[in-house]
Amino acid sequence: MEKFFAEVFYPMLSPIFRPINAFLSSFFEPYASICAVGMFVLPMIWVGLLLNPRYVNRGQRYKSAWTDLRIWTVLSMIPHVVVYFYFR
């Protein structure tokens, strides 16, 4: 299966990702990890703590913690961070 995907997608995607990979390979790996985690954690902080609750939950009929979209946004992003740390 891997051979099939390499034959089908490599010719299309390599012109896009080869320069990106060359650029990113020059960075020290721990800095890249910090940036990757920051790309998940900073939006969670922004949504969970800084956004106005009236803006996020506009049009909401029931006002409770279970229907607050800010909580669900943070909860839905936590598995992404866990998977990142697991495969790092």
C-alpha atoms as a PDB file:
ATOM      1  CA  MET A   1       0.000   0.000   0.000  1.00  0.00           C
ATOM      2  CA  GLU A   2       2.865   2.356   0.809  1.00  0.00           C
ATOM      3  CA  LYS A   3       4.334   1.793  -2.644  1.00  0.00           C
ATOM      4  CA  PHE A   4       0.992   2.658  -4.243  1.00  0.00           C
ATOM      5  CA  PHE A   5       0.727   5.942  -2.334  1.00  0.00           C
ATOM      6  CA  ALA A   6       4.328   6.810  -3.161  1.00  0.00           C
ATOM      7  CA  GLU A   7       3.731   6.230  -6.868  1.00  0.00           C
ATOM      8  CA  VAL A   8       0.484   8.177  -6.939  1.00  0.00           C
ATOM      9  CA  PHE A   9       1.100  11.098  -4.609  1.00  0.00           C
ATOM     10  CA  TYR A  10       4.873  11.636  -4.587  1.00  0.00           C
ATOM     11  CA  PRO A  11       5.051  13.230  -8.059  1.00  0.00           C
ATOM     12  CA  MET A  12       2.309  15.709  -7.139  1.00  0.00           C
ATOM     13  CA  LEU A  13       3.376  16.535  -3.609  1.00  0.00           C
ATOM     14  CA  SER A  14       7.164  16.473  -3.760  1.00  0.00           C
ATOM     15  CA  PRO A  15       7.503  19.855  -5.544  1.00  0.00           C
ATOM     16  CA  ILE A  16       5.499  21.397  -2.708  1.00  0.00           C
ATOM     17  CA  PHE A  17       7.025  19.630   0.291  1.00  0.00           C
ATOM     18  CA  ARG A  18      10.679  19.283  -0.772  1.00  0.00           C
ATOM     19  CA  PRO A  19      11.428  23.032  -0.344  1.00  0.00           C
ATOM     20  CA  ILE A  20       9.462  23.125   2.916  1.00  0.00           C
ATOM     21  CA  ASN A  21      11.389  20.133   4.275  1.00  0.00           C
ATOM     22  CA  ALA A  22      14.699  21.693   3.220  1.00  0.00           C
ATOM     23  CA  PHE A  23      13.794  24.924   4.998  1.00  0.00           C
ATOM     24  CA  LEU A  24      12.595  23.210   8.188  1.00  0.00           C
ATOM     25  CA  SER A  25      15.586  20.863   8.406  1.00  0.00           C
ATOM     26  CA  SER A  26      17.811  23.830   9.237  1.00  0.00           C
ATOM     27  CA  PHE A  27      16.023  24.425  12.563  1.00  0.00           C
ATOM     28  CA  PHE A  28      17.022  22.844  15.845  1.00  0.00           C
ATOM     29  CA  GLU A  29      14.505  20.064  16.626  1.00  0.00           C
ATOM     30  CA  PRO A  30      13.489  21.179  20.156  1.00  0.00           C
ATOM     31  CA  TYR A  31      12.570  24.617  18.784  1.00  0.00           C
ATOM     32  CA  ALA A  32      10.378  22.969  16.188  1.00  0.00           C
ATOM     33  CA  SER A  33       8.669  20.914  18.907  1.00  0.00           C
ATOM     34  CA  ILE A  34       8.023  24.003  21.001  1.00  0.00           C
ATOM     35  CA  CYS A  35       6.484  25.752  17.995  1.00  0.00           C
ATOM     36  CA  ALA A  36       4.322  22.738  17.156  1.00  0.00           C
ATOM     37  CA  VAL A  37       2.969  22.463  20.692  1.00  0.00           C
ATOM     38  CA  GLY A  38       2.466  26.228  20.782  1.00  0.00           C
ATOM     39  CA  MET A  39       0.316  26.014  17.666  1.00  0.00           C
ATOM     40  CA  PHE A  40      -2.093  23.842  19.676  1.00  0.00           C
ATOM     41  CA  VAL A  41      -1.810  25.357  23.148  1.00  0.00           C
ATOM     42  CA  LEU A  42      -1.998  29.057  22.263  1.00  0.00           C
ATOM     43  CA  PRO A  43      -5.308  28.732  20.356  1.00  0.00           C
ATOM     44  CA  MET A  44      -6.719  26.702  23.250  1.00  0.00           C
ATOM     45  CA  ILE A  45      -5.761  29.501  25.653  1.00  0.00           C
ATOM     46  CA  TRP A  46      -7.161  32.106  23.288  1.00  0.00           C
ATOM     47  CA  VAL A  47     -10.489  30.326  22.827  1.00  0.00           C
ATOM     48  CA  GLY A  48     -10.822  29.114  26.407  1.00  0.00           C
ATOM     49  CA  LEU A  49      -9.811  32.245  28.277  1.00  0.00           C
ATOM     50  CA  LEU A  50      -9.668  35.307  26.053  1.00  0.00           C
ATOM     51  CA  LEU A  51     -12.640  35.142  23.685  1.00  0.00           C
ATOM     52  CA  ASN A  52     -15.811  36.822  24.813  1.00  0.00           C
ATOM     53  CA  PRO A  53     -18.290  34.090  25.856  1.00  0.00           C
ATOM     54  CA  ARG A  54     -21.212  36.056  24.387  1.00  0.00           C
ATOM     55  CA  TYR A  55     -19.484  36.074  20.997  1.00  0.00           C
ATOM     56  CA  VAL A  56     -18.613  32.381  20.991  1.00  0.00           C
ATOM     57  CA  ASN A  57     -21.994  31.210  22.245  1.00  0.00           C
ATOM     58  CA  ARG A  58     -24.166  33.655  20.311  1.00  0.00           C
ATOM     59  CA  GLY A  59     -27.592  32.234  19.497  1.00  0.00           C
ATOM     60  CA  GLN A  60     -27.299  29.538  22.126  1.00  0.00           C
ATOM     61  CA  ARG A  61     -30.664  28.559  23.590  1.00  0.00           C
ATOM     62  CA  TYR A  62     -29.472  26.844  26.756  1.00  0.00           C
ATOM     63  CA  LYS A  63     -26.831  28.488  28.899  1.00  0.00           C
ATOM     64  CA  SER A  64     -24.830  25.789  30.648  1.00  0.00           C
ATOM     65  CA  ALA A  65     -21.272  24.537  30.797  1.00  0.00           C
ATOM     66  CA  TRP A  66     -22.107  21.575  28.532  1.00  0.00           C
ATOM     67  CA  THR A  67     -23.230  23.862  25.713  1.00  0.00           C
ATOM     68  CA  ASP A  68     -20.296  26.292  25.959  1.00  0.00           C
ATOM     69  CA  LEU A  69     -18.352  26.001  22.696  1.00  0.00           C
ATOM     70  CA  ARG A  70     -15.164  27.265  24.300  1.00  0.00           C
ATOM     71  CA  ILE A  71     -14.978  24.195  26.543  1.00  0.00           C
ATOM     72  CA  TRP A  72     -15.652  21.822  23.657  1.00  0.00           C
ATOM     73  CA  THR A  73     -13.020  23.512  21.509  1.00  0.00           C
ATOM     74  CA  VAL A  74     -10.363  23.009  24.166  1.00  0.00           C
ATOM     75  CA  LEU A  75     -11.486  19.425  24.841  1.00  0.00           C
ATOM     76  CA  SER A  76     -11.407  18.570  21.143  1.00  0.00           C
ATOM     77  CA  MET A  77      -7.839  19.865  20.760  1.00  0.00           C
ATOM     78  CA  ILE A  78      -6.363  18.000  23.735  1.00  0.00           C
ATOM     79  CA  PRO A  79      -6.198  14.645  21.863  1.00  0.00           C
ATOM     80  CA  HIS A  80      -4.128  16.316  19.142  1.00  0.00           C
ATOM     81  CA  VAL A  81      -1.553  17.429  21.698  1.00  0.00           C
ATOM     82  CA  VAL A  82      -1.521  13.982  23.317  1.00  0.00           C
ATOM     83  CA  VAL A  83      -0.968  12.272  19.944  1.00  0.00           C
ATOM     84  CA  TYR A  84       1.815  14.726  19.129  1.00  0.00           C
ATOM     85  CA  PHE A  85       3.638  13.960  22.376  1.00  0.00           C
ATOM     86  CA  TYR A  86       3.079  10.231  21.948  1.00  0.00           C
ATOM     87  CA  PHE A  87       4.623  10.066  18.453  1.00  0.00           C
ATOM     88  CA  ARG A  88       7.326  12.655  19.061  1.00  0.00           C
END
